[in-house]
Amino acid sequence: MLEILSFRLVGELLLNGLLFGAMYGVAAIGLSLIFGTMRIIFLAQGAMIVLAGYCAYWAFALLGVDPYVTMIALLPVSLVVGAAIYQLLFRRAAAIEDKNTSLLIAVGLMFMLESLMSVAWTPDPRSITTSYTATSFVVGGMPVSITRSIAFVVALVATAVVTLFLKRTLIGKAVRAVSENMTSAMLVGISPHRVNMVAFAVGIALAGVAGCTLASTYAIDPYFGFLFSLKALIALALGGLGNVGGALAGGLLLGVIESGSSFFIPGWGDAIGYLVFLLVLMFRPEGLFVRTVKKA
């Protein structure tokens, strides 16, 4: 196998992995925000991503609206939907110490969304074909897809915006405080329910961003969401909880791992990704991109 390796081949595998892994990263950031404040694994995140993808598909098929224009329109809608979902489904459950209730609610929401999408759009895969879908440009002799490149840039911008939100705004600092120590945050007057709602709303907004970029790049079906949630969870584990940049880096790394393993061991891309996930949990549970402080 080594004799067929070339600089261009390695570059293409690396590039393809990075471009697709960026969407894992955006989904992982949303999971990180929700887990950091509520301490639940929101398995319905993938279903919300696919739902946003179908909204982009519907807007394009019925009205001819570009998916990235739809993404901009979906952002405020996703924020409101996220806040509403938290208030209706998770507010009371978030106050319960046993987080299994919230997890079960998330699983139920995922199954309900999958069923609704299956009825509305049928289980057949759907894709968006724009005027620039088949367009590419050349970098170092390698063709680069326009749609994947846009998705990559969107992922970088989303990561930067969330980072600035968490570090430069008062409510963002409150989200960080609750994720680090809820008891101390409550003692200084921070409302955990308000922070949970904001974090949940931002997480669903990121799902809207990921959904529009996903639908503009790949075919989607109603049941793709659970798999995407698992990939986002792996990316989150690789990057480390509470680390926005690490979540994106974890997604990029997972994309590269899947791209390389799928080429060298066809059909084993997912299995290799899950194996790396297990190894990280065993030997580096805090994540690959989190600095550890050695105790004296």
C-alpha atoms as a PDB file:
ATOM      1  CA  MET A   1       0.000   0.000   0.000  1.00  0.00           C
ATOM      2  CA  LEU A   2       2.864   2.351   0.786  1.00  0.00           C
ATOM      3  CA  GLU A   3       4.115   2.409  -2.795  1.00  0.00           C
ATOM      4  CA  ILE A   4       0.924   4.095  -3.998  1.00  0.00           C
ATOM      5  CA  LEU A   5       1.266   6.934  -1.519  1.00  0.00           C
ATOM      6  CA  SER A   6       2.141  10.298  -2.943  1.00  0.00           C
ATOM      7  CA  PHE A   7       2.145  13.853  -1.732  1.00  0.00           C
ATOM      8  CA  ARG A   8      -0.992  14.576  -3.719  1.00  0.00           C
ATOM      9  CA  LEU A   9      -2.839  11.520  -2.392  1.00  0.00           C
ATOM     10  CA  VAL A  10      -1.976  12.307   1.213  1.00  0.00           C
ATOM     11  CA  GLY A  11      -2.985  15.904   0.620  1.00  0.00           C
ATOM     12  CA  GLU A  12      -6.333  14.882  -0.839  1.00  0.00           C
ATOM     13  CA  LEU A  13      -7.085  12.518   2.057  1.00  0.00           C
ATOM     14  CA  LEU A  14      -6.122  15.192   4.566  1.00  0.00           C
ATOM     15  CA  LEU A  15      -8.121  17.885   2.787  1.00  0.00           C
ATOM     16  CA  ASN A  16     -11.250  15.755   2.418  1.00  0.00           C
ATOM     17  CA  GLY A  17     -11.068  14.779   6.082  1.00  0.00           C
ATOM     18  CA  LEU A  18     -10.698  18.370   7.242  1.00  0.00           C
ATOM     19  CA  LEU A  19     -13.539  19.632   5.064  1.00  0.00           C
ATOM     20  CA  PHE A  20     -16.019  17.017   6.261  1.00  0.00           C
ATOM     21  CA  GLY A  21     -14.756  17.008   9.852  1.00  0.00           C
ATOM     22  CA  ALA A  22     -15.583  20.700  10.154  1.00  0.00           C
ATOM     23  CA  MET A  23     -19.293  19.809  10.308  1.00  0.00           C
ATOM     24  CA  TYR A  24     -18.589  17.285  13.059  1.00  0.00           C
ATOM     25  CA  GLY A  25     -16.858  20.105  14.889  1.00  0.00           C
ATOM     26  CA  VAL A  26     -19.819  22.500  14.684  1.00  0.00           C
ATOM     27  CA  ALA A  27     -22.157  19.788  15.974  1.00  0.00           C
ATOM     28  CA  ALA A  28     -19.693  18.982  18.773  1.00  0.00           C
ATOM     29  CA  ILE A  29     -19.600  22.630  19.895  1.00  0.00           C
ATOM     30  CA  GLY A  30     -23.391  22.570  20.288  1.00  0.00           C
ATOM     31  CA  LEU A  31     -23.177  19.341  22.282  1.00  0.00           C
ATOM     32  CA  SER A  32     -20.424  20.832  24.422  1.00  0.00           C
ATOM     33  CA  LEU A  33     -22.498  23.889  25.350  1.00  0.00           C
ATOM     34  CA  ILE A  34     -25.539  21.810  26.287  1.00  0.00           C
ATOM     35  CA  PHE A  35     -23.553  19.209  28.204  1.00  0.00           C
ATOM     36  CA  GLY A  36     -21.460  21.839  29.949  1.00  0.00           C
ATOM     37  CA  THR A  37     -24.475  23.538  31.530  1.00  0.00           C
ATOM     38  CA  MET A  38     -27.061  20.738  31.834  1.00  0.00           C
ATOM     39  CA  ARG A  39     -24.751  17.705  32.105  1.00  0.00           C
ATOM     40  CA  ILE A  40     -26.747  15.701  29.569  1.00  0.00           C
ATOM     41  CA  ILE A  41     -25.770  14.161  26.259  1.00  0.00           C
ATOM     42  CA  PHE A  42     -28.308  15.696  23.893  1.00  0.00           C
ATOM     43  CA  LEU A  43     -28.660  12.824  21.434  1.00  0.00           C
ATOM     44  CA  ALA A  44     -31.350  14.710  19.501  1.00  0.00           C
ATOM     45  CA  GLN A  45     -28.703  17.179  18.262  1.00  0.00           C
ATOM     46  CA  GLY A  46     -28.207  15.130  15.087  1.00  0.00           C
ATOM     47  CA  ALA A  47     -31.945  15.016  14.415  1.00  0.00           C
ATOM     48  CA  MET A  48     -32.100  18.801  14.814  1.00  0.00           C
ATOM     49  CA  ILE A  49     -29.243  19.096  12.311  1.00  0.00           C
ATOM     50  CA  VAL A  50     -31.073  16.924   9.782  1.00  0.00           C
ATOM     51  CA  LEU A  51     -34.300  18.881  10.364  1.00  0.00           C
ATOM     52  CA  ALA A  52     -32.463  22.114   9.555  1.00  0.00           C
ATOM     53  CA  GLY A  53     -31.070  20.398   6.471  1.00  0.00           C
ATOM     54  CA  TYR A  54     -34.585  19.523   5.340  1.00  0.00           C
ATOM     55  CA  CYS A  55     -35.695  23.108   5.893  1.00  0.00           C
ATOM     56  CA  ALA A  56     -32.860  24.224   3.620  1.00  0.00           C
ATOM     57  CA  TYR A  57     -33.859  21.562   1.092  1.00  0.00           C
ATOM     58  CA  TRP A  58     -37.500  22.634   1.158  1.00  0.00           C
ATOM     59  CA  ALA A  59     -36.602  26.309   0.788  1.00  0.00           C
ATOM     60  CA  PHE A  60     -34.414  25.485  -2.209  1.00  0.00           C
ATOM     61  CA  ALA A  61     -36.835  23.044  -3.858  1.00  0.00           C
ATOM     62  CA  LEU A  62     -39.957  25.184  -3.425  1.00  0.00           C
ATOM     63  CA  LEU A  63     -38.629  28.736  -3.497  1.00  0.00           C
ATOM     64  CA  GLY A  64     -35.163  28.437  -5.058  1.00  0.00           C
ATOM     65  CA  VAL A  65     -33.506  29.961  -1.973  1.00  0.00           C
ATOM     66  CA  ASP A  66     -29.789  29.262  -1.624  1.00  0.00           C
ATOM     67  CA  PRO A  67     -29.078  27.045   1.430  1.00  0.00           C
ATOM     68  CA  TYR A  68     -26.685  29.588   2.913  1.00  0.00           C
ATOM     69  CA  VAL A  69     -29.336  32.306   2.675  1.00  0.00           C
ATOM     70  CA  THR A  70     -31.676  29.888   4.445  1.00  0.00           C
ATOM     71  CA  MET A  71     -28.984  29.370   7.089  1.00  0.00           C
ATOM     72  CA  ILE A  72     -28.942  33.085   7.894  1.00  0.00           C
ATOM     73  CA  ALA A  73     -32.741  33.124   8.137  1.00  0.00           C
ATOM     74  CA  LEU A  74     -32.738  29.990  10.305  1.00  0.00           C
ATOM     75  CA  LEU A  75     -30.354  31.399  12.908  1.00  0.00           C
ATOM     76  CA  PRO A  76     -32.896  33.529  14.826  1.00  0.00           C
ATOM     77  CA  VAL A  77     -35.570  30.863  14.329  1.00  0.00           C
ATOM     78  CA  SER A  78     -33.231  28.189  15.718  1.00  0.00           C
ATOM     79  CA  LEU A  79     -32.436  30.326  18.749  1.00  0.00           C
ATOM     80  CA  VAL A  80     -36.151  30.719  19.525  1.00  0.00           C
ATOM     81  CA  VAL A  81     -36.853  27.024  18.898  1.00  0.00           C
ATOM     82  CA  GLY A  82     -33.957  26.032  21.150  1.00  0.00           C
ATOM     83  CA  ALA A  83     -35.195  28.260  23.971  1.00  0.00           C
ATOM     84  CA  ALA A  84     -38.737  26.906  23.554  1.00  0.00           C
ATOM     85  CA  ILE A  85     -37.585  23.271  23.599  1.00  0.00           C
ATOM     86  CA  TYR A  86     -35.679  23.894  26.802  1.00  0.00           C
ATOM     87  CA  GLN A  87     -38.616  25.611  28.497  1.00  0.00           C
ATOM     88  CA  LEU A  88     -41.157  22.987  27.407  1.00  0.00           C
ATOM     89  CA  LEU A  89     -39.141  19.784  27.766  1.00  0.00           C
ATOM     90  CA  PHE A  90     -35.998  20.277  29.807  1.00  0.00           C
ATOM     91  CA  ARG A  91     -36.534  23.055  32.348  1.00  0.00           C
ATOM     92  CA  ARG A  92     -38.035  20.830  35.045  1.00  0.00           C
ATOM     93  CA  ALA A  93     -35.832  17.862  34.172  1.00  0.00           C
ATOM     94  CA  ALA A  94     -32.691  20.020  34.410  1.00  0.00           C
ATOM     95  CA  ALA A  95     -33.423  20.653  38.088  1.00  0.00           C
ATOM     96  CA  ILE A  96     -33.469  16.924  38.843  1.00  0.00           C
ATOM     97  CA  GLU A  97     -30.165  15.544  40.044  1.00  0.00           C
ATOM     98  CA  ASP A  98     -30.655  12.294  38.115  1.00  0.00           C
ATOM     99  CA  LYS A  99     -29.880  13.238  34.507  1.00  0.00           C
ATOM    100  CA  ASN A 100     -31.350  10.029  33.081  1.00  0.00           C
ATOM    101  CA  THR A 101     -34.693  11.841  32.758  1.00  0.00           C
ATOM    102  CA  SER A 102     -33.194  14.501  30.493  1.00  0.00           C
ATOM    103  CA  LEU A 103     -31.401  11.848  28.468  1.00  0.00           C
ATOM    104  CA  LEU A 104     -34.631   9.910  27.940  1.00  0.00           C
ATOM    105  CA  ILE A 105     -36.417  13.113  26.895  1.00  0.00           C
ATOM    106  CA  ALA A 106     -33.655  13.762  24.346  1.00  0.00           C
ATOM    107  CA  VAL A 107     -33.974  10.222  22.970  1.00  0.00           C
ATOM    108  CA  GLY A 108     -37.757  10.568  22.729  1.00  0.00           C
ATOM    109  CA  LEU A 109     -37.378  13.899  20.932  1.00  0.00           C
ATOM    110  CA  MET A 110     -34.942  12.309  18.492  1.00  0.00           C
ATOM    111  CA  PHE A 111     -37.323   9.463  17.623  1.00  0.00           C
ATOM    112  CA  MET A 112     -40.248  11.864  17.263  1.00  0.00           C
ATOM    113  CA  LEU A 113     -38.318  14.136  14.889  1.00  0.00           C
ATOM    114  CA  GLU A 114     -37.157  11.156  12.833  1.00  0.00           C
ATOM    115  CA  SER A 115     -40.741   9.947  12.458  1.00  0.00           C
ATOM    116  CA  LEU A 116     -42.037  13.390  11.535  1.00  0.00           C
ATOM    117  CA  MET A 117     -39.296  13.903   8.938  1.00  0.00           C
ATOM    118  CA  SER A 118     -39.947  10.457   7.498  1.00  0.00           C
ATOM    119  CA  VAL A 119     -43.625  11.310   7.038  1.00  0.00           C
ATOM    120  CA  ALA A 120     -42.975  14.808   5.677  1.00  0.00           C
ATOM    121  CA  TRP A 121     -40.139  13.992   3.279  1.00  0.00           C
ATOM    122  CA  THR A 122     -40.211  10.142   3.066  1.00  0.00           C
ATOM    123  CA  PRO A 123     -37.128   8.072   3.990  1.00  0.00           C
ATOM    124  CA  ASP A 124     -35.567   8.648   0.555  1.00  0.00           C
ATOM    125  CA  PRO A 125     -32.301  10.630   0.616  1.00  0.00           C
ATOM    126  CA  ARG A 126     -32.597  14.278  -0.435  1.00  0.00           C
ATOM    127  CA  SER A 127     -29.877  16.565  -1.694  1.00  0.00           C
ATOM    128  CA  ILE A 128     -29.489  20.162  -2.802  1.00  0.00           C
ATOM    129  CA  THR A 129     -27.920  20.775  -6.203  1.00  0.00           C
ATOM    130  CA  THR A 130     -27.039  24.418  -6.695  1.00  0.00           C
ATOM    131  CA  SER A 131     -25.302  26.108  -9.611  1.00  0.00           C
ATOM    132  CA  TYR A 132     -21.976  25.792  -7.785  1.00  0.00           C
ATOM    133  CA  THR A 133     -22.399  22.270  -6.364  1.00  0.00           C
ATOM    134  CA  ALA A 134     -20.157  20.637  -8.982  1.00  0.00           C
ATOM    135  CA  THR A 135     -17.733  23.580  -9.070  1.00  0.00           C
ATOM    136  CA  SER A 136     -14.228  23.286  -7.671  1.00  0.00           C
ATOM    137  CA  PHE A 137     -10.935  25.124  -7.663  1.00  0.00           C
ATOM    138  CA  VAL A 138      -7.380  23.812  -7.648  1.00  0.00           C
ATOM    139  CA  VAL A 139      -4.958  24.136  -4.730  1.00  0.00           C
ATOM    140  CA  GLY A 140      -1.534  22.568  -5.134  1.00  0.00           C
ATOM    141  CA  GLY A 141      -2.784  20.467  -8.007  1.00  0.00           C
ATOM    142  CA  MET A 142      -5.712  19.147  -5.947  1.00  0.00           C
ATOM    143  CA  PRO A 143      -9.356  19.895  -6.814  1.00  0.00           C
ATOM    144  CA  VAL A 144     -11.234  21.450  -3.890  1.00  0.00           C
ATOM    145  CA  SER A 145     -15.036  21.460  -3.791  1.00  0.00           C
ATOM    146  CA  ILE A 146     -16.649  24.885  -3.467  1.00  0.00           C
ATOM    147  CA  THR A 147     -19.468  23.575  -1.255  1.00  0.00           C
ATOM    148  CA  ARG A 148     -17.116  21.781   1.131  1.00  0.00           C
ATOM    149  CA  SER A 149     -14.874  24.833   1.295  1.00  0.00           C
ATOM    150  CA  ILE A 150     -17.824  27.064   2.189  1.00  0.00           C
ATOM    151  CA  ALA A 151     -18.846  24.577   4.894  1.00  0.00           C
ATOM    152  CA  PHE A 152     -15.309  24.677   6.285  1.00  0.00           C
ATOM    153  CA  VAL A 153     -15.278  28.481   6.389  1.00  0.00           C
ATOM    154  CA  VAL A 154     -18.722  28.521   8.021  1.00  0.00           C
ATOM    155  CA  ALA A 155     -17.429  26.130  10.697  1.00  0.00           C
ATOM    156  CA  LEU A 156     -14.456  28.392  11.432  1.00  0.00           C
ATOM    157  CA  VAL A 157     -16.667  31.485  11.623  1.00  0.00           C
ATOM    158  CA  ALA A 158     -19.190  29.719  13.883  1.00  0.00           C
ATOM    159  CA  THR A 159     -16.389  28.615  16.212  1.00  0.00           C
ATOM    160  CA  ALA A 160     -14.975  32.142  16.362  1.00  0.00           C
ATOM    161  CA  VAL A 161     -18.388  33.681  17.055  1.00  0.00           C
ATOM    162  CA  VAL A 162     -19.178  31.207  19.859  1.00  0.00           C
ATOM    163  CA  THR A 163     -15.721  31.745  21.376  1.00  0.00           C
ATOM    164  CA  LEU A 164     -16.209  35.520  21.383  1.00  0.00           C
ATOM    165  CA  PHE A 165     -19.700  35.077  22.815  1.00  0.00           C
ATOM    166  CA  LEU A 166     -18.390  32.984  25.708  1.00  0.00           C
ATOM    167  CA  LYS A 167     -15.402  35.211  26.462  1.00  0.00           C
ATOM    168  CA  ARG A 168     -16.622  38.749  25.733  1.00  0.00           C
ATOM    169  CA  THR A 169     -20.301  38.861  26.686  1.00  0.00           C
ATOM    170  CA  LEU A 170     -21.788  38.852  30.172  1.00  0.00           C
ATOM    171  CA  ILE A 171     -24.225  36.017  29.485  1.00  0.00           C
ATOM    172  CA  GLY A 172     -21.432  34.053  27.791  1.00  0.00           C
ATOM    173  CA  LYS A 173     -19.276  34.392  30.897  1.00  0.00           C
ATOM    174  CA  ALA A 174     -22.256  33.212  32.928  1.00  0.00           C
ATOM    175  CA  VAL A 175     -22.502  30.110  30.712  1.00  0.00           C
ATOM    176  CA  ARG A 176     -18.830  29.393  31.352  1.00  0.00           C
ATOM    177  CA  ALA A 177     -19.273  29.939  35.086  1.00  0.00           C
ATOM    178  CA  VAL A 178     -22.200  27.511  35.304  1.00  0.00           C
ATOM    179  CA  SER A 179     -20.349  24.898  33.240  1.00  0.00           C
ATOM    180  CA  GLU A 180     -17.362  25.103  35.607  1.00  0.00           C
ATOM    181  CA  ASN A 181     -19.159  25.272  38.947  1.00  0.00           C
ATOM    182  CA  MET A 182     -22.922  25.681  39.122  1.00  0.00           C
ATOM    183  CA  THR A 183     -23.028  26.038  42.918  1.00  0.00           C
ATOM    184  CA  SER A 184     -20.542  28.896  42.959  1.00  0.00           C
ATOM    185  CA  ALA A 185     -22.325  30.540  40.013  1.00  0.00           C
ATOM    186  CA  MET A 186     -25.636  30.434  41.888  1.00  0.00           C
ATOM    187  CA  LEU A 187     -24.014  31.985  44.970  1.00  0.00           C
ATOM    188  CA  VAL A 188     -23.076  35.084  42.956  1.00  0.00           C
ATOM    189  CA  GLY A 189     -26.603  35.469  41.606  1.00  0.00           C
ATOM    190  CA  ILE A 190     -26.471  33.634  38.260  1.00  0.00           C
ATOM    191  CA  SER A 191     -29.753  31.955  37.320  1.00  0.00           C
ATOM    192  CA  PRO A 192     -28.983  28.387  36.156  1.00  0.00           C
ATOM    193  CA  HIS A 193     -32.270  28.086  34.246  1.00  0.00           C
ATOM    194  CA  ARG A 194     -31.600  31.253  32.265  1.00  0.00           C
ATOM    195  CA  VAL A 195     -28.071  30.114  31.466  1.00  0.00           C
ATOM    196  CA  ASN A 196     -29.317  26.647  30.500  1.00  0.00           C
ATOM    197  CA  MET A 197     -31.847  28.208  28.147  1.00  0.00           C
ATOM    198  CA  VAL A 198     -29.215  30.397  26.484  1.00  0.00           C
ATOM    199  CA  ALA A 199     -26.764  27.516  26.097  1.00  0.00           C
ATOM    200  CA  PHE A 200     -29.507  25.276  24.707  1.00  0.00           C
ATOM    201  CA  ALA A 201     -30.634  27.970  22.261  1.00  0.00           C
ATOM    202  CA  VAL A 202     -27.079  28.512  20.999  1.00  0.00           C
ATOM    203  CA  GLY A 203     -26.600  24.758  20.682  1.00  0.00           C
ATOM    204  CA  ILE A 204     -29.725  24.448  18.511  1.00  0.00           C
ATOM    205  CA  ALA A 205     -28.611  27.472  16.462  1.00  0.00           C
ATOM    206  CA  LEU A 206     -25.356  25.639  15.747  1.00  0.00           C
ATOM    207  CA  ALA A 207     -27.440  22.641  14.704  1.00  0.00           C
ATOM    208  CA  GLY A 208     -29.165  24.924  12.186  1.00  0.00           C
ATOM    209  CA  VAL A 209     -25.795  26.037  10.818  1.00  0.00           C
ATOM    210  CA  ALA A 210     -24.531  22.457  10.557  1.00  0.00           C
ATOM    211  CA  GLY A 211     -27.774  21.289   8.942  1.00  0.00           C
ATOM    212  CA  CYS A 212     -27.699  23.830   6.129  1.00  0.00           C
ATOM    213  CA  THR A 213     -24.042  23.133   5.356  1.00  0.00           C
ATOM    214  CA  LEU A 214     -24.653  19.370   5.520  1.00  0.00           C
ATOM    215  CA  ALA A 215     -27.624  19.472   3.129  1.00  0.00           C
ATOM    216  CA  SER A 216     -25.701  21.628   0.656  1.00  0.00           C
ATOM    217  CA  THR A 217     -22.835  19.125   0.604  1.00  0.00           C
ATOM    218  CA  TYR A 218     -24.271  15.622   1.094  1.00  0.00           C
ATOM    219  CA  ALA A 219     -27.541  13.735   0.698  1.00  0.00           C
ATOM    220  CA  ILE A 220     -29.555  13.483   3.918  1.00  0.00           C
ATOM    221  CA  ASP A 221     -32.290  11.167   5.165  1.00  0.00           C
ATOM    222  CA  PRO A 222     -34.445  11.272   8.319  1.00  0.00           C
ATOM    223  CA  TYR A 223     -32.397   8.651  10.145  1.00  0.00           C
ATOM    224  CA  PHE A 224     -28.962  10.142   9.561  1.00  0.00           C
ATOM    225  CA  GLY A 225     -29.228  12.271  12.701  1.00  0.00           C
ATOM    226  CA  PHE A 226     -28.380   9.582  15.264  1.00  0.00           C
ATOM    227  CA  LEU A 227     -25.177   8.671  13.422  1.00  0.00           C
ATOM    228  CA  PHE A 228     -24.244  12.351  13.226  1.00  0.00           C
ATOM    229  CA  SER A 229     -24.859  12.727  16.975  1.00  0.00           C
ATOM    230  CA  LEU A 230     -22.472   9.850  17.630  1.00  0.00           C
ATOM    231  CA  LYS A 231     -19.809  11.424  15.413  1.00  0.00           C
ATOM    232  CA  ALA A 232     -20.243  14.755  17.198  1.00  0.00           C
ATOM    233  CA  LEU A 233     -19.927  12.964  20.542  1.00  0.00           C
ATOM    234  CA  ILE A 234     -16.666  11.359  19.407  1.00  0.00           C
ATOM    235  CA  ALA A 235     -15.384  14.738  18.234  1.00  0.00           C
ATOM    236  CA  LEU A 236     -16.326  16.201  21.615  1.00  0.00           C
ATOM    237  CA  ALA A 237     -14.443  13.441  23.433  1.00  0.00           C
ATOM    238  CA  LEU A 238     -11.384  13.987  21.244  1.00  0.00           C
ATOM    239  CA  GLY A 239     -11.410  17.735  21.793  1.00  0.00           C
ATOM    240  CA  GLY A 240     -12.356  17.801  25.456  1.00  0.00           C
ATOM    241  CA  LEU A 241     -15.443  19.064  27.265  1.00  0.00           C
ATOM    242  CA  GLY A 242     -15.770  22.808  27.709  1.00  0.00           C
ATOM    243  CA  ASN A 243     -13.271  23.541  24.945  1.00  0.00           C
ATOM    244  CA  VAL A 244     -14.891  25.203  21.929  1.00  0.00           C
ATOM    245  CA  GLY A 245     -11.727  25.227  19.849  1.00  0.00           C
ATOM    246  CA  GLY A 246     -11.013  21.672  20.980  1.00  0.00           C
ATOM    247  CA  ALA A 247     -14.456  20.528  19.810  1.00  0.00           C
ATOM    248  CA  LEU A 248     -13.736  21.870  16.329  1.00  0.00           C
ATOM    249  CA  ALA A 249     -10.253  20.348  16.386  1.00  0.00           C
ATOM    250  CA  GLY A 250     -11.749  17.026  17.491  1.00  0.00           C
ATOM    251  CA  GLY A 251     -14.173  17.118  14.567  1.00  0.00           C
ATOM    252  CA  LEU A 252     -11.370  17.885  12.119  1.00  0.00           C
ATOM    253  CA  LEU A 253      -9.255  15.065  13.548  1.00  0.00           C
ATOM    254  CA  LEU A 254     -12.158  12.606  13.319  1.00  0.00           C
ATOM    255  CA  GLY A 255     -12.745  13.609   9.708  1.00  0.00           C
ATOM    256  CA  VAL A 256      -9.083  12.984   8.863  1.00  0.00           C
ATOM    257  CA  ILE A 257      -9.125   9.613  10.658  1.00  0.00           C
ATOM    258  CA  GLU A 258     -12.232   8.495   8.766  1.00  0.00           C
ATOM    259  CA  SER A 259     -10.897   9.751   5.446  1.00  0.00           C
ATOM    260  CA  GLY A 260      -7.564   7.946   5.816  1.00  0.00           C
ATOM    261  CA  SER A 261      -8.945   4.710   7.255  1.00  0.00           C
ATOM    262  CA  SER A 262     -11.692   4.498   4.617  1.00  0.00           C
ATOM    263  CA  PHE A 263      -9.026   4.702   1.902  1.00  0.00           C
ATOM    264  CA  PHE A 264      -6.559   2.213   3.376  1.00  0.00           C
ATOM    265  CA  ILE A 265      -9.163  -0.147   4.887  1.00  0.00           C
ATOM    266  CA  PRO A 266     -12.355   0.278   2.816  1.00  0.00           C
ATOM    267  CA  GLY A 267     -15.524  -0.067   4.860  1.00  0.00           C
ATOM    268  CA  TRP A 268     -13.746   0.359   8.192  1.00  0.00           C
ATOM    269  CA  GLY A 269     -13.843   4.132   8.485  1.00  0.00           C
ATOM    270  CA  ASP A 270     -16.577   4.210  11.146  1.00  0.00           C
ATOM    271  CA  ALA A 271     -15.069   1.297  13.088  1.00  0.00           C
ATOM    272  CA  ILE A 272     -11.660   2.985  13.258  1.00  0.00           C
ATOM    273  CA  GLY A 273     -13.300   6.183  14.466  1.00  0.00           C
ATOM    274  CA  TYR A 274     -15.097   4.314  17.258  1.00  0.00           C
ATOM    275  CA  LEU A 275     -11.859   2.546  18.195  1.00  0.00           C
ATOM    276  CA  VAL A 276     -10.065   5.886  18.538  1.00  0.00           C
ATOM    277  CA  PHE A 277     -12.991   7.098  20.648  1.00  0.00           C
ATOM    278  CA  LEU A 278     -12.586   4.165  23.060  1.00  0.00           C
ATOM    279  CA  LEU A 279      -8.820   4.597  23.263  1.00  0.00           C
ATOM    280  CA  VAL A 280      -9.167   8.293  24.081  1.00  0.00           C
ATOM    281  CA  LEU A 281     -11.718   7.559  26.812  1.00  0.00           C
ATOM    282  CA  MET A 282      -9.374   4.943  28.277  1.00  0.00           C
ATOM    283  CA  PHE A 283      -6.082   6.819  28.192  1.00  0.00           C
ATOM    284  CA  ARG A 284      -6.955  10.511  27.776  1.00  0.00           C
ATOM    285  CA  PRO A 285     -10.517  11.010  29.083  1.00  0.00           C
ATOM    286  CA  GLU A 286     -10.036  14.782  29.448  1.00  0.00           C
ATOM    287  CA  GLY A 287      -9.503  15.088  25.667  1.00  0.00           C
ATOM    288  CA  LEU A 288      -6.524  15.426  23.375  1.00  0.00           C
ATOM    289  CA  PHE A 289      -6.597  19.215  23.215  1.00  0.00           C
ATOM    290  CA  VAL A 290      -6.967  20.026  26.911  1.00  0.00           C
ATOM    291  CA  ARG A 291      -3.925  20.943  28.929  1.00  0.00           C
ATOM    292  CA  THR A 292      -3.516  18.908  32.063  1.00  0.00           C
ATOM    293  CA  VAL A 293      -2.006  20.412  35.185  1.00  0.00           C
ATOM    294  CA  LYS A 294       0.248  18.049  37.097  1.00  0.00           C
ATOM    295  CA  LYS A 295      -0.293  18.074  40.831  1.00  0.00           C
ATOM    296  CA  ALA A 296       2.763  18.630  42.967  1.00  0.00           C
END
